[in-house]
C-alpha atoms as a PDB file:
ATOM      1  CA  MET A   1       5.343 -91.825  12.418  1.00  0.00           C
ATOM      2  CA  PRO A   2       6.436 -88.595  14.168  1.00  0.00           C
ATOM      3  CA  ALA A   3       9.759 -87.075  13.170  1.00  0.00           C
ATOM      4  CA  THR A   4      11.252 -87.701  16.621  1.00  0.00           C
ATOM      5  CA  ARG A   5      10.363 -91.377  16.262  1.00  0.00           C
ATOM      6  CA  ASP A   6      12.014 -91.478  12.823  1.00  0.00           C
ATOM      7  CA  THR A   7      15.139 -89.888  14.249  1.00  0.00           C
ATOM      8  CA  SER A   8      15.459 -92.247  17.215  1.00  0.00           C
ATOM      9  CA  GLN A   9      14.877 -95.308  15.043  1.00  0.00           C
ATOM     10  CA  ARG A  10      17.441 -94.145  12.481  1.00  0.00           C
ATOM     11  CA  ARG A  11      20.022 -93.482  15.189  1.00  0.00           C
ATOM     12  CA  LEU A  12      19.385 -96.897  16.696  1.00  0.00           C
ATOM     13  CA  GLN A  13      19.939 -98.538  13.301  1.00  0.00           C
ATOM     14  CA  ILE A  14      23.105 -96.498  12.730  1.00  0.00           C
ATOM     15  CA  SER A  15      24.394 -97.681  16.121  1.00  0.00           C
ATOM     16  CA  GLU A  16      23.709-101.294  15.153  1.00  0.00           C
ATOM     17  CA  LEU A  17      25.450-100.816  11.800  1.00  0.00           C
ATOM     18  CA  VAL A  18      28.608 -99.311  13.256  1.00  0.00           C
ATOM     19  CA  HIS A  19      28.924-102.115  15.813  1.00  0.00           C
ATOM     20  CA  LYS A  20      28.308-104.744  13.142  1.00  0.00           C
ATOM     21  CA  GLN A  21      30.552-103.273  10.433  1.00  0.00           C
ATOM     22  CA  GLY A  22      33.097-101.443  12.577  1.00  0.00           C
ATOM     23  CA  SER A  23      32.598 -98.199  10.664  1.00  0.00           C
ATOM     24  CA  VAL A  24      30.051 -96.216   8.657  1.00  0.00           C
ATOM     25  CA  GLN A  25      30.270 -93.518   5.994  1.00  0.00           C
ATOM     26  CA  VAL A  26      28.103 -90.392   5.821  1.00  0.00           C
ATOM     27  CA  ALA A  27      27.274 -90.677   2.111  1.00  0.00           C
ATOM     28  CA  SER A  28      26.186 -94.320   2.261  1.00  0.00           C
ATOM     29  CA  LEU A  29      24.046 -93.678   5.363  1.00  0.00           C
ATOM     30  CA  ALA A  30      22.331 -90.746   3.654  1.00  0.00           C
ATOM     31  CA  ARG A  31      21.442 -92.989   0.695  1.00  0.00           C
ATOM     32  CA  ARG A  32      20.344 -95.854   2.951  1.00  0.00           C
ATOM     33  CA  PHE A  33      17.928 -93.744   5.030  1.00  0.00           C
ATOM     34  CA  GLY A  34      16.902 -91.267   2.345  1.00  0.00           C
ATOM     35  CA  VAL A  35      18.021 -88.220   4.317  1.00  0.00           C
ATOM     36  CA  SER A  36      20.523 -85.442   3.743  1.00  0.00           C
ATOM     37  CA  VAL A  37      24.214 -85.726   4.632  1.00  0.00           C
ATOM     38  CA  GLN A  38      23.670 -82.856   7.085  1.00  0.00           C
ATOM     39  CA  THR A  39      21.057 -84.952   8.914  1.00  0.00           C
ATOM     40  CA  VAL A  40      23.439 -87.929   9.062  1.00  0.00           C
ATOM     41  CA  ARG A  41      26.221 -85.733  10.425  1.00  0.00           C
ATOM     42  CA  LYS A  42      23.876 -84.554  13.198  1.00  0.00           C
ATOM     43  CA  ASP A  43      23.075 -88.188  13.986  1.00  0.00           C
ATOM     44  CA  LEU A  44      26.773 -89.091  14.168  1.00  0.00           C
ATOM     45  CA  ARG A  45      27.566 -86.101  16.386  1.00  0.00           C
ATOM     46  CA  TYR A  46      24.706 -87.100  18.706  1.00  0.00           C
ATOM     47  CA  LEU A  47      25.899 -90.709  18.920  1.00  0.00           C
ATOM     48  CA  ALA A  48      29.566 -89.740  19.297  1.00  0.00           C
ATOM     49  CA  ALA A  49      28.704 -87.446  22.203  1.00  0.00           C
ATOM     50  CA  ARG A  50      27.191 -90.467  23.946  1.00  0.00           C
ATOM     51  CA  GLY A  51      30.214 -92.686  23.330  1.00  0.00           C
ATOM     52  CA  VAL A  52      28.494 -94.982  20.854  1.00  0.00           C
ATOM     53  CA  MET A  53      31.064 -94.247  18.149  1.00  0.00           C
ATOM     54  CA  THR A  54      33.919 -91.915  17.311  1.00  0.00           C
ATOM     55  CA  ARG A  55      33.779 -89.468  14.425  1.00  0.00           C
ATOM     56  CA  ALA A  56      36.292 -90.070  11.632  1.00  0.00           C
ATOM     57  CA  TYR A  57      36.967 -88.633   8.192  1.00  0.00           C
ATOM     58  CA  GLY A  58      33.771 -89.050   6.154  1.00  0.00           C
ATOM     59  CA  GLY A  59      31.927 -91.038   8.793  1.00  0.00           C
ATOM     60  CA  ALA A  60      32.432 -92.758  12.136  1.00  0.00           C
ATOM     61  CA  ILE A  61      34.173 -95.755  13.693  1.00  0.00           C
ATOM     62  CA  ASP A  62      33.122 -98.111  16.465  1.00  0.00           C
ATOM     63  CA  SER A  63      34.744 -96.703  19.604  1.00  0.00           C
ATOM     64  CA  ASN A  64      35.830-100.193  20.652  1.00  0.00           C
ATOM     65  CA  ALA A  65      37.715-100.785  17.395  1.00  0.00           C
ATOM     66  CA  ILE A  66      39.945 -97.729  17.336  1.00  0.00           C
ATOM     67  CA  GLY A  67      43.587 -98.676  17.533  1.00  0.00           C
ATOM     68  CA  GLY A  68      42.669-102.051  18.968  1.00  0.00           C
ATOM     69  CA  GLY A  69      41.919-100.144  22.169  1.00  0.00           C
ATOM     70  CA  GLN A  70      45.461 -98.737  22.254  1.00  0.00           C
ATOM     71  CA  ALA A  71      46.636 -95.157  22.518  1.00  0.00           C
ATOM     72  CA  GLU A  72      49.400 -93.875  20.281  1.00  0.00           C
ATOM     73  CA  PRO A  73      52.688 -95.366  21.549  1.00  0.00           C
ATOM     74  CA  ALA A  74      55.438 -93.107  22.830  1.00  0.00           C
ATOM     75  CA  TYR A  75      58.050 -92.058  20.261  1.00  0.00           C
ATOM     76  CA  GLU A  76      60.840 -93.810  22.168  1.00  0.00           C
ATOM     77  CA  VAL A  77      58.875 -97.061  22.037  1.00  0.00           C
ATOM     78  CA  LYS A  78      58.158 -96.722  18.321  1.00  0.00           C
ATOM     79  CA  ARG A  79      61.869 -96.274  17.592  1.00  0.00           C
ATOM     80  CA  VAL A  80      62.795 -99.730  18.921  1.00  0.00           C
ATOM     81  CA  VAL A  81      59.729-101.962  18.454  1.00  0.00           C
ATOM     82  CA  HIS A  82      59.892-104.283  15.403  1.00  0.00           C
ATOM     83  CA  LEU A  83      63.197-102.610  14.547  1.00  0.00           C
ATOM     84  CA  ASP A  84      64.646-105.477  12.488  1.00  0.00           C
ATOM     85  CA  ASP A  85      61.491-105.615  10.345  1.00  0.00           C
ATOM     86  CA  LYS A  86      61.587-101.852   9.863  1.00  0.00           C
ATOM     87  CA  ARG A  87      65.226-101.975   8.788  1.00  0.00           C
ATOM     88  CA  ARG A  88      64.494-104.622   6.161  1.00  0.00           C
ATOM     89  CA  ILE A  89      61.455-102.714   4.924  1.00  0.00           C
ATOM     90  CA  GLY A  90      63.461 -99.482   4.775  1.00  0.00           C
ATOM     91  CA  LYS A  91      66.261-101.162   2.832  1.00  0.00           C
ATOM     92  CA  ARG A  92      63.791-102.702   0.349  1.00  0.00           C
ATOM     93  CA  ALA A  93      62.092 -99.324  -0.137  1.00  0.00           C
ATOM     94  CA  ALA A  94      65.458 -97.602  -0.694  1.00  0.00           C
ATOM     95  CA  GLU A  95      66.192-100.002  -3.556  1.00  0.00           C
ATOM     96  CA  LEU A  96      63.313 -98.429  -5.518  1.00  0.00           C
ATOM     97  CA  VAL A  97      64.886 -94.966  -5.513  1.00  0.00           C
ATOM     98  CA  GLU A  98      66.977 -93.974  -8.520  1.00  0.00           C
ATOM     99  CA  ALA A  99      69.197 -91.003  -9.304  1.00  0.00           C
ATOM    100  CA  GLY A 100      67.121 -88.000 -10.350  1.00  0.00           C
ATOM    101  CA  ASN A 101      64.044 -89.019  -8.324  1.00  0.00           C
ATOM    102  CA  THR A 102      62.145 -86.662  -6.070  1.00  0.00           C
ATOM    103  CA  ILE A 103      60.510 -88.522  -3.179  1.00  0.00           C
ATOM    104  CA  VAL A 104      58.491 -87.757  -0.065  1.00  0.00           C
ATOM    105  CA  ILE A 105      59.285 -89.663   3.116  1.00  0.00           C
ATOM    106  CA  ASP A 106      56.405 -89.378   5.551  1.00  0.00           C
ATOM    107  CA  SER A 107      56.968 -89.094   9.284  1.00  0.00           C
ATOM    108  CA  GLY A 108      57.488 -92.332  11.168  1.00  0.00           C
ATOM    109  CA  THR A 109      60.112 -94.731  12.404  1.00  0.00           C
ATOM    110  CA  THR A 110      59.988 -96.930   9.289  1.00  0.00           C
ATOM    111  CA  GLY A 111      60.578 -93.810   7.186  1.00  0.00           C
ATOM    112  CA  ILE A 112      63.682 -93.091   9.257  1.00  0.00           C
ATOM    113  CA  GLN A 113      64.987 -96.570   8.429  1.00  0.00           C
ATOM    114  CA  LEU A 114      64.348 -95.847   4.735  1.00  0.00           C
ATOM    115  CA  ALA A 115      66.334 -92.631   5.054  1.00  0.00           C
ATOM    116  CA  GLU A 116      69.178 -94.503   6.766  1.00  0.00           C
ATOM    117  CA  ALA A 117      69.267 -96.983   3.878  1.00  0.00           C
ATOM    118  CA  LEU A 118      69.271 -94.436   1.028  1.00  0.00           C
ATOM    119  CA  PRO A 119      72.505 -94.287  -0.967  1.00  0.00           C
ATOM    120  CA  ASN A 120      74.223 -90.952  -1.439  1.00  0.00           C
ATOM    121  CA  LEU A 121      72.585 -90.328  -4.828  1.00  0.00           C
ATOM    122  CA  ASP A 122      71.534 -87.199  -6.705  1.00  0.00           C
ATOM    123  CA  ILE A 123      67.946 -87.259  -5.425  1.00  0.00           C
ATOM    124  CA  THR A 124      65.599 -84.853  -3.679  1.00  0.00           C
ATOM    125  CA  VAL A 125      63.912 -85.901  -0.440  1.00  0.00           C
ATOM    126  CA  VAL A 126      60.900 -83.972   0.871  1.00  0.00           C
ATOM    127  CA  THR A 127      59.945 -84.683   4.480  1.00  0.00           C
ATOM    128  CA  ASN A 128      58.332 -83.274   7.609  1.00  0.00           C
ATOM    129  CA  ASP A 129      60.176 -85.691   9.925  1.00  0.00           C
ATOM    130  CA  PHE A 130      63.065 -84.544  12.114  1.00  0.00           C
ATOM    131  CA  GLY A 131      64.509 -88.070  12.262  1.00  0.00           C
ATOM    132  CA  VAL A 132      64.601 -88.336   8.462  1.00  0.00           C
ATOM    133  CA  LEU A 133      66.354 -84.961   8.292  1.00  0.00           C
ATOM    134  CA  SER A 134      68.949 -86.103  10.832  1.00  0.00           C
ATOM    135  CA  ALA A 135      69.572 -89.364   8.967  1.00  0.00           C
ATOM    136  CA  LEU A 136      70.178 -87.563   5.655  1.00  0.00           C
ATOM    137  CA  SER A 137      72.032 -84.445   6.794  1.00  0.00           C
ATOM    138  CA  SER A 138      75.484 -85.905   6.058  1.00  0.00           C
ATOM    139  CA  ARG A 139      74.590 -87.155   2.528  1.00  0.00           C
ATOM    140  CA  GLN A 140      76.019 -84.370   0.414  1.00  0.00           C
ATOM    141  CA  ALA A 141      74.490 -85.576  -2.872  1.00  0.00           C
ATOM    142  CA  ILE A 142      70.943 -85.626  -1.506  1.00  0.00           C
ATOM    143  CA  LYS A 143      68.939 -82.421  -1.675  1.00  0.00           C
ATOM    144  CA  ILE A 144      66.639 -82.134   1.356  1.00  0.00           C
ATOM    145  CA  VAL A 145      63.408 -80.126   1.366  1.00  0.00           C
ATOM    146  CA  MET A 146      62.135 -79.804   4.941  1.00  0.00           C
ATOM    147  CA  LEU A 147      58.452 -78.979   5.305  1.00  0.00           C
ATOM    148  CA  GLY A 148      57.990 -76.360   8.009  1.00  0.00           C
ATOM    149  CA  GLY A 149      55.252 -75.932  10.555  1.00  0.00           C
ATOM    150  CA  GLU A 150      54.816 -76.646  14.244  1.00  0.00           C
ATOM    151  CA  LEU A 151      56.885 -79.434  15.819  1.00  0.00           C
ATOM    152  CA  ARG A 152      54.816 -82.216  17.379  1.00  0.00           C
ATOM    153  CA  ARG A 153      57.160 -83.745  19.933  1.00  0.00           C
ATOM    154  CA  LYS A 154      54.974 -86.835  20.247  1.00  0.00           C
ATOM    155  CA  ASN A 155      56.559 -88.089  17.014  1.00  0.00           C
ATOM    156  CA  MET A 156      59.185 -85.404  16.247  1.00  0.00           C
ATOM    157  CA  ALA A 157      57.542 -84.207  13.036  1.00  0.00           C
ATOM    158  CA  PHE A 158      56.132 -80.928  11.736  1.00  0.00           C
ATOM    159  CA  TYR A 159      52.450 -80.252  10.988  1.00  0.00           C
ATOM    160  CA  GLY A 160      50.012 -77.418  10.350  1.00  0.00           C
ATOM    161  CA  GLY A 161      48.778 -75.111   7.636  1.00  0.00           C
ATOM    162  CA  LEU A 162      52.303 -74.056   6.644  1.00  0.00           C
ATOM    163  CA  THR A 163      53.291 -77.693   6.189  1.00  0.00           C
ATOM    164  CA  VAL A 164      50.349 -78.418   3.922  1.00  0.00           C
ATOM    165  CA  GLU A 165      50.805 -75.207   1.908  1.00  0.00           C
ATOM    166  CA  ALA A 166      54.451 -76.084   1.234  1.00  0.00           C
ATOM    167  CA  LEU A 167      53.265 -79.041  -0.853  1.00  0.00           C
ATOM    168  CA  ASP A 168      51.025 -76.973  -3.142  1.00  0.00           C
ATOM    169  CA  ALA A 169      53.683 -76.350  -5.782  1.00  0.00           C
ATOM    170  CA  LEU A 170      55.383 -79.766  -5.545  1.00  0.00           C
ATOM    171  CA  GLN A 171      55.090 -82.840  -7.755  1.00  0.00           C
ATOM    172  CA  VAL A 172      57.087 -85.885  -6.671  1.00  0.00           C
ATOM    173  CA  ASP A 173      57.825 -89.298  -8.124  1.00  0.00           C
ATOM    174  CA  MET A 174      57.084 -91.391  -5.047  1.00  0.00           C
ATOM    175  CA  LEU A 175      55.542 -91.040  -1.606  1.00  0.00           C
ATOM    176  CA  PHE A 176      56.694 -93.463   1.078  1.00  0.00           C
ATOM    177  CA  LEU A 177      53.776 -93.398   3.489  1.00  0.00           C
ATOM    178  CA  GLY A 178      54.070 -94.477   7.105  1.00  0.00           C
ATOM    179  CA  VAL A 179      51.163 -96.348   8.677  1.00  0.00           C
ATOM    180  CA  ASP A 180      49.506 -96.349  12.126  1.00  0.00           C
ATOM    181  CA  GLY A 181      46.560 -98.479  11.041  1.00  0.00           C
ATOM    182  CA  PHE A 182      46.053-100.648   7.943  1.00  0.00           C
ATOM    183  CA  ASP A 183      42.650-102.275   7.530  1.00  0.00           C
ATOM    184  CA  LEU A 184      41.352-103.727   4.274  1.00  0.00           C
ATOM    185  CA  GLU A 185      37.867-102.244   4.727  1.00  0.00           C
ATOM    186  CA  ARG A 186      38.643 -99.008   6.555  1.00  0.00           C
ATOM    187  CA  GLY A 187      41.875 -98.153   4.784  1.00  0.00           C
ATOM    188  CA  ILE A 188      45.030 -96.475   6.035  1.00  0.00           C
ATOM    189  CA  THR A 189      44.516 -94.470   9.204  1.00  0.00           C
ATOM    190  CA  THR A 190      46.452 -92.429  11.739  1.00  0.00           C
ATOM    191  CA  HIS A 191      46.066 -91.207  15.322  1.00  0.00           C
ATOM    192  CA  TYR A 192      46.560 -87.497  14.553  1.00  0.00           C
ATOM    193  CA  GLU A 193      44.188 -85.415  12.418  1.00  0.00           C
ATOM    194  CA  PRO A 194      46.775 -82.892  11.095  1.00  0.00           C
ATOM    195  CA  GLU A 195      48.898 -85.850   9.994  1.00  0.00           C
ATOM    196  CA  ALA A 196      45.974 -87.297   8.016  1.00  0.00           C
ATOM    197  CA  THR A 197      45.401 -83.907   6.370  1.00  0.00           C
ATOM    198  CA  LEU A 198      49.075 -83.609   5.436  1.00  0.00           C
ATOM    199  CA  ASN A 199      49.255 -87.199   4.204  1.00  0.00           C
ATOM    200  CA  ARG A 200      46.292 -86.681   1.875  1.00  0.00           C
ATOM    201  CA  LYS A 201      48.090 -83.675   0.414  1.00  0.00           C
ATOM    202  CA  MET A 202      51.225 -85.796  -0.049  1.00  0.00           C
ATOM    203  CA  VAL A 203      49.144 -88.401  -1.891  1.00  0.00           C
ATOM    204  CA  GLU A 204      47.861 -85.718  -4.275  1.00  0.00           C
ATOM    205  CA  ALA A 205      51.430 -84.640  -5.075  1.00  0.00           C
ATOM    206  CA  ALA A 206      52.817 -88.127  -5.698  1.00  0.00           C
ATOM    207  CA  GLY A 207      53.051 -90.102  -8.917  1.00  0.00           C
ATOM    208  CA  LYS A 208      53.230 -93.343  -6.925  1.00  0.00           C
ATOM    209  CA  VAL A 209      51.980 -94.026  -3.383  1.00  0.00           C
ATOM    210  CA  ILE A 210      53.931 -96.670  -1.456  1.00  0.00           C
ATOM    211  CA  ALA A 211      52.912 -97.728   2.060  1.00  0.00           C
ATOM    212  CA  ILE A 212      55.762 -98.934   4.283  1.00  0.00           C
ATOM    213  CA  THR A 213      54.771-100.814   7.435  1.00  0.00           C
ATOM    214  CA  ASP A 214      55.510-103.857   9.518  1.00  0.00           C
ATOM    215  CA  SER A 215      52.756-106.444   9.855  1.00  0.00           C
ATOM    216  CA  SER A 216      51.800-105.401  13.399  1.00  0.00           C
ATOM    217  CA  LYS A 217      49.732-102.574  11.877  1.00  0.00           C
ATOM    218  CA  PHE A 218      47.409-104.856   9.876  1.00  0.00           C
ATOM    219  CA  GLY A 219      43.851-104.977  11.176  1.00  0.00           C
ATOM    220  CA  ARG A 220      44.400-101.874  13.306  1.00  0.00           C
ATOM    221  CA  VAL A 221      42.071 -98.883  12.834  1.00  0.00           C
ATOM    222  CA  CYS A 222      42.950 -95.401  14.093  1.00  0.00           C
ATOM    223  CA  LEU A 223      40.639 -92.417  14.265  1.00  0.00           C
ATOM    224  CA  HIS A 224      41.625 -90.440  11.148  1.00  0.00           C
ATOM    225  CA  ARG A 225      41.484 -91.895   7.655  1.00  0.00           C
ATOM    226  CA  ILE A 226      44.154 -91.062   5.085  1.00  0.00           C
ATOM    227  CA  LEU A 227      43.046 -93.073   2.062  1.00  0.00           C
ATOM    228  CA  PRO A 228      41.414 -96.372   1.088  1.00  0.00           C
ATOM    229  CA  ILE A 229      43.572 -99.378   0.232  1.00  0.00           C
ATOM    230  CA  SER A 230      42.593 -98.920  -3.423  1.00  0.00           C
ATOM    231  CA  GLY A 231      44.586 -95.662  -3.385  1.00  0.00           C
ATOM    232  CA  LEU A 232      47.873 -97.536  -2.960  1.00  0.00           C
ATOM    233  CA  ASP A 233      50.244 -98.424  -5.768  1.00  0.00           C
ATOM    234  CA  MET A 234      52.502-100.574  -3.611  1.00  0.00           C
ATOM    235  CA  LEU A 235      52.845-102.000  -0.101  1.00  0.00           C
ATOM    236  CA  ILE A 236      56.215-102.943   1.395  1.00  0.00           C
ATOM    237  CA  THR A 237      55.985-105.031   4.545  1.00  0.00           C
ATOM    238  CA  ASP A 238      57.622-107.976   6.301  1.00  0.00           C
ATOM    239  CA  LYS A 239      57.222-111.668   5.525  1.00  0.00           C
ATOM    240  CA  ASP A 240      54.684-112.130   8.330  1.00  0.00           C
ATOM    241  CA  ALA A 241      52.020-110.398   6.221  1.00  0.00           C
ATOM    242  CA  PRO A 242      48.770-112.376   6.664  1.00  0.00           C
ATOM    243  CA  GLU A 243      47.077-114.174   3.814  1.00  0.00           C
ATOM    244  CA  ASP A 244      44.262-111.616   3.497  1.00  0.00           C
ATOM    245  CA  ILE A 245      46.822-108.887   2.800  1.00  0.00           C
ATOM    246  CA  ARG A 246      48.518-111.033   0.169  1.00  0.00           C
ATOM    247  CA  GLN A 247      45.176-111.800  -1.446  1.00  0.00           C
ATOM    248  CA  ALA A 248      44.116-108.145  -1.330  1.00  0.00           C
ATOM    249  CA  SER A 249      47.177-107.143  -3.340  1.00  0.00           C
ATOM    250  CA  GLN A 250      45.769-109.208  -6.201  1.00  0.00           C
ATOM    251  CA  ASP A 251      42.115-108.322  -5.702  1.00  0.00           C
ATOM    252  CA  VAL A 252      42.613-104.584  -5.171  1.00  0.00           C
ATOM    253  CA  GLY A 253      45.553-104.230  -7.518  1.00  0.00           C
ATOM    254  CA  PHE A 254      48.488-102.897  -5.495  1.00  0.00           C
ATOM    255  CA  GLU A 255      51.970-104.403  -5.763  1.00  0.00           C
ATOM    256  CA  LEU A 256      53.196-106.264  -2.669  1.00  0.00           C
ATOM    257  CA  LEU A 257      56.879-106.456  -1.733  1.00  0.00           C
ATOM    258  CA  LEU A 258      57.952-108.578   1.240  1.00  0.00           C
ATOM    259  CA  ALA A 259      61.186-107.707   3.016  1.00  0.00           C
END
């Protein structure tokens, strides 16, 4: 069979796989078809350019599955939607923090509620979120380390190379990770690539990784992957968490706290 025929058949099969599974990974495709990862990347770029799929970290996602077809909500909307759930989740997360801890609070409206709920203890809070900074600025006992970079007004947080580099020398007890998408197969995802890059760096620096999210994010897949569900130590969510999430906590091995 000519090489062009091989290529077209492989790309057709990749298209069928991504629509069937919702996502594909470069490494597994390379093994499946017996080709190099560079060849698979070319295939994915070709298919993405034609709207068949959307490139994501380490692979690609079905274009129809991303974010449930939704764009990233406006910051003002995020601040008020599911607010009662976020307050309960933030309060439950704050109960885990003890004097002497160093924690990272990721950007996001649930993280702001965590910051609001923190007692005025001798702790260190590292964040890139302007709302978290504002919530903690009057707590004299709390040491605040603000990660610099370029302000993204879409969610009032800082990103970029400077932000990532600031984490190089840090080791923290806990990371409280905000969530845009939480899918059992495709992991924790976000709308914004620099946020995913920064979040992965935060994960590396943290002794314990704790996702904080309301249940509206379950089953949602965004473009950029942060980490698989197996990378979590704990999930704090509301009592509307579906049964598959509850079961996954046992099967995968992360602790589940319901607020």
